[in-house]
Amino acid sequence: MDQCPRLHLEDGSWNYLTHSLVHSAGYTPIVTCSPANNALCESYGAAACFDYNSATCGADIREYTANSLTSVFDCVTDAPTMRMCYEAIGSSGGKYVALESITSISKYARRDVRADWLMAPSILGTPVELPGSYGRPSTPEHRRFGSELFLLVEKLLQEGGIRNHPLEIREGGLAMIPTYVNDLRVGNVRATRQVVPLLAG
């Protein structure tokens, strides 16, 4: 079985959903996270967790996978995470997918790795009107794929095949939003998606 890690994402909403989907698709998810979140990641299907703060994280993953890793999904996509991912991929090469645009210098750091990135709004099928490499023409085939994916995800959620991100309901409505945003900014929020109801129940 191929092993598809999702590398260097701390406590973000992509983190748990991605390895939950990867696990449901029959892959073996290997993840990086804060050691404090290992148990949570494992509860979402992670086969192994690695500390993204470790200087040897990429090499440790390569050793764990016996130099056979071929698929990587990088949710952070900065120079350190890309370097880590490339270090983790086995010597036979593989595929690297990111959530941000990749510079040419980084993209071709290893010629045996096919690097690509995705622009999530293109799943709507309409043009993405953003500057530079972020802009996209209309892509009807992305909308068709999105329609099928949404139906599949809804079915998996209903059947318990995947779980949503852990939620924390926070009270106070709009007036408390600045406080909650500051909590995110200073790192007081870990491993949860914050939800603030705006209307009284």
Protein backbone atom coordinates (compact mmCIF):
# COMPACT_ATOMS: atom_id res chain seq x y z
CA MET A 1 0.00 0.00 0.00
CA ASP A 2 1.29 3.45 -0.92
CA GLN A 3 1.79 5.88 1.93
CA CYS A 4 0.55 9.44 1.61
CA PRO A 5 1.61 11.87 4.30
CA ARG A 6 0.25 15.28 4.84
CA LEU A 7 3.22 17.18 6.08
CA HIS A 8 3.76 20.06 8.52
CA LEU A 9 0.31 21.25 9.47
CA GLU A 10 -0.25 22.26 13.05
CA ASP A 11 -3.80 22.24 14.35
CA GLY A 12 -5.40 23.43 11.13
CA SER A 13 -8.69 22.36 9.63
CA TRP A 14 -6.95 20.63 6.68
CA ASN A 15 -4.98 18.52 9.12
CA TYR A 16 -7.60 16.09 10.41
CA LEU A 17 -9.89 16.08 7.40
CA THR A 18 -7.03 15.34 5.01
CA HIS A 19 -5.66 12.30 6.79
CA SER A 20 -9.20 11.12 7.47
CA LEU A 21 -9.90 11.23 3.70
CA VAL A 22 -6.53 9.68 2.87
CA HIS A 23 -7.22 6.84 5.29
CA SER A 24 -10.72 6.31 3.81
CA ALA A 25 -9.16 6.12 0.32
CA GLY A 26 -6.97 3.20 1.39
CA TYR A 27 -3.69 5.03 1.86
CA THR A 28 -1.58 5.00 5.00
CA PRO A 29 -1.49 8.57 6.35
CA ILE A 30 1.75 9.67 7.97
CA VAL A 31 1.45 13.11 9.53
CA THR A 32 3.49 15.83 11.13
CA CYS A 33 2.06 17.70 14.08
CA SER A 34 2.80 19.01 17.52
CA PRO A 35 3.57 16.03 19.78
CA ALA A 36 0.71 17.20 22.00
CA ASN A 37 -1.68 16.32 19.15
CA ASN A 38 -0.35 12.84 18.32
CA ALA A 39 -3.27 11.05 19.98
CA LEU A 40 -5.82 13.25 18.22
CA CYS A 41 -4.15 12.70 14.82
CA GLU A 42 -4.06 8.95 15.43
CA SER A 43 -7.77 9.02 16.29
CA TYR A 44 -8.34 10.45 12.78
CA GLY A 45 -6.44 7.59 11.16
CA ALA A 46 -2.77 8.62 11.22
CA ALA A 47 -0.50 5.58 11.21
CA ALA A 48 2.48 7.58 12.48
CA CYS A 49 3.09 11.09 13.77
CA PHE A 50 6.31 13.09 13.50
CA ASP A 51 7.26 16.30 15.26
CA TYR A 52 7.45 19.03 12.62
CA ASN A 53 9.82 21.02 14.87
CA SER A 54 12.46 18.30 14.64
CA ALA A 55 15.41 19.14 12.38
CA THR A 56 15.42 15.50 11.23
CA CYS A 57 11.67 15.23 10.55
CA GLY A 58 11.99 14.60 6.78
CA ALA A 59 14.81 12.10 7.25
CA ASP A 60 12.88 10.36 10.05
CA ILE A 61 9.86 9.91 7.77
CA ARG A 62 12.08 8.56 4.99
CA GLU A 63 13.57 6.05 7.42
CA TYR A 64 10.14 5.07 8.75
CA THR A 65 8.85 4.44 5.21
CA ALA A 66 12.00 2.49 4.26
CA ASN A 67 12.82 5.04 1.55
CA SER A 68 9.60 4.16 -0.32
CA LEU A 69 7.38 7.22 0.19
CA THR A 70 5.99 8.52 -3.12
CA SER A 71 3.08 10.88 -2.26
CA VAL A 72 3.15 14.04 -0.16
CA PHE A 73 0.52 16.72 0.51
CA ASP A 74 1.93 19.90 2.07
CA CYS A 75 -0.74 22.11 3.67
CA VAL A 76 1.65 24.85 4.78
CA THR A 77 3.81 25.26 1.68
CA ASP A 78 6.70 27.40 2.76
CA ALA A 79 10.41 26.79 2.13
CA PRO A 80 11.01 24.75 5.32
CA THR A 81 7.98 22.47 4.83
CA MET A 82 8.75 21.92 1.16
CA ARG A 83 12.34 21.01 2.04
CA MET A 84 11.05 18.61 4.70
CA CYS A 85 8.66 16.98 2.24
CA TYR A 86 11.36 16.56 -0.41
CA GLU A 87 13.62 14.96 2.21
CA ALA A 88 10.85 12.52 3.14
CA ILE A 89 10.17 11.33 -0.42
CA GLY A 90 12.08 8.16 -1.29
CA SER A 91 15.05 8.06 -3.63
CA SER A 92 12.85 6.78 -6.50
CA GLY A 93 10.99 10.11 -6.50
CA GLY A 94 7.30 10.80 -6.31
CA LYS A 95 4.59 13.44 -6.25
CA TYR A 96 4.45 16.60 -4.10
CA VAL A 97 1.20 18.59 -3.90
CA ALA A 98 0.92 21.95 -2.12
CA LEU A 99 -1.83 24.42 -1.25
CA GLU A 100 0.14 27.45 -2.42
CA SER A 101 1.99 28.48 -5.56
CA ILE A 102 5.46 26.94 -5.79
CA THR A 103 8.52 28.87 -6.96
CA SER A 104 10.44 27.39 -9.88
CA ILE A 105 13.61 27.11 -7.79
CA SER A 106 11.80 25.08 -5.15
CA LYS A 107 9.77 23.10 -7.67
CA TYR A 108 12.84 21.68 -9.37
CA ALA A 109 14.95 21.09 -6.26
CA ARG A 110 14.58 17.37 -7.08
CA ARG A 111 14.07 16.40 -10.70
CA ASP A 112 12.60 13.05 -9.67
CA VAL A 113 9.73 14.75 -7.79
CA ARG A 114 6.69 16.01 -9.73
CA ALA A 115 5.55 19.13 -7.88
CA ASP A 116 2.14 20.69 -8.31
CA TRP A 117 -0.31 22.80 -6.31
CA LEU A 118 -4.03 23.25 -6.19
CA MET A 119 -6.19 26.33 -6.07
CA ALA A 120 -9.24 25.26 -4.06
CA PRO A 121 -11.71 27.89 -5.44
CA SER A 122 -11.32 26.40 -8.94
CA ILE A 123 -13.55 23.55 -7.73
CA LEU A 124 -16.52 25.89 -8.35
CA GLY A 125 -15.77 25.78 -12.08
CA THR A 126 -15.89 29.56 -12.43
CA PRO A 127 -12.88 31.78 -13.18
CA VAL A 128 -10.67 32.57 -10.21
CA GLU A 129 -9.98 36.27 -10.61
CA LEU A 130 -6.74 36.69 -8.68
CA PRO A 131 -3.40 38.11 -9.83
CA GLY A 132 -0.43 36.10 -11.07
CA SER A 133 -0.28 32.34 -10.81
CA TYR A 134 -3.36 32.28 -8.56
CA GLY A 135 -5.73 33.27 -11.37
CA ARG A 136 -7.57 30.47 -13.18
CA PRO A 137 -9.84 30.28 -16.22
CA SER A 138 -13.23 28.63 -16.02
CA THR A 139 -12.76 24.90 -15.39
CA PRO A 140 -16.03 22.96 -15.83
CA GLU A 141 -14.23 19.64 -15.23
CA HIS A 142 -13.23 20.89 -11.74
CA ARG A 143 -16.90 21.61 -10.99
CA ARG A 144 -17.89 18.11 -12.12
CA PHE A 145 -15.20 16.63 -9.88
CA GLY A 146 -16.32 18.89 -7.01
CA SER A 147 -19.93 17.77 -7.36
CA GLU A 148 -18.88 14.12 -7.10
CA LEU A 149 -16.48 14.85 -4.23
CA PHE A 150 -19.10 16.73 -2.19
CA LEU A 151 -21.57 13.84 -2.55
CA LEU A 152 -18.88 11.36 -1.51
CA VAL A 153 -17.77 13.44 1.49
CA GLU A 154 -21.37 13.88 2.65
CA LYS A 155 -21.89 10.10 2.42
CA LEU A 156 -18.64 9.39 4.29
CA LEU A 157 -19.62 11.88 7.03
CA GLN A 158 -23.07 10.31 7.43
CA GLU A 159 -21.60 6.79 7.57
CA GLY A 160 -18.80 7.77 9.97
CA GLY A 161 -16.09 7.09 7.40
CA ILE A 162 -14.64 10.54 8.08
CA ARG A 163 -15.12 13.02 10.91
CA ASN A 164 -15.26 16.79 10.89
CA HIS A 165 -12.64 18.89 12.60
CA PRO A 166 -13.04 19.15 16.40
CA LEU A 167 -15.29 22.13 17.19
CA GLU A 168 -15.29 24.58 20.07
CA ILE A 169 -18.48 26.65 20.39
CA ARG A 170 -17.68 30.11 21.72
CA GLU A 171 -20.37 32.42 23.03
CA GLY A 172 -20.73 36.18 22.80
CA GLY A 173 -21.62 36.72 19.15
CA LEU A 174 -20.08 39.43 16.96
CA ALA A 175 -18.91 41.50 19.91
CA MET A 176 -16.45 38.75 20.91
CA ILE A 177 -14.97 38.14 17.44
CA PRO A 178 -11.95 40.47 18.00
CA THR A 179 -11.11 38.60 21.22
CA TYR A 180 -11.37 35.21 19.52
CA VAL A 181 -9.29 36.37 16.53
CA ASN A 182 -6.62 37.53 18.95
CA ASP A 183 -6.71 34.11 20.64
CA LEU A 184 -5.87 32.60 17.23
CA ARG A 185 -3.16 35.18 16.60
CA VAL A 186 -1.33 34.59 19.89
CA GLY A 187 -1.59 30.79 19.72
CA ASN A 188 -4.21 30.17 22.40
CA VAL A 189 -6.26 27.96 20.05
CA ARG A 190 -5.00 24.43 19.42
CA ALA A 191 -6.55 21.51 17.55
CA THR A 192 -10.06 22.96 17.31
CA ARG A 193 -12.21 24.87 14.84
CA GLN A 194 -13.74 27.90 16.53
CA VAL A 195 -17.47 28.44 16.00
CA VAL A 196 -19.25 31.59 17.17
CA PRO A 197 -23.06 31.47 16.91
CA LEU A 198 -24.41 34.84 15.77
CA LEU A 199 -28.08 34.24 16.60
CA ALA A 200 -29.52 33.13 19.91
CA GLY A 201 -31.02 29.59 19.76
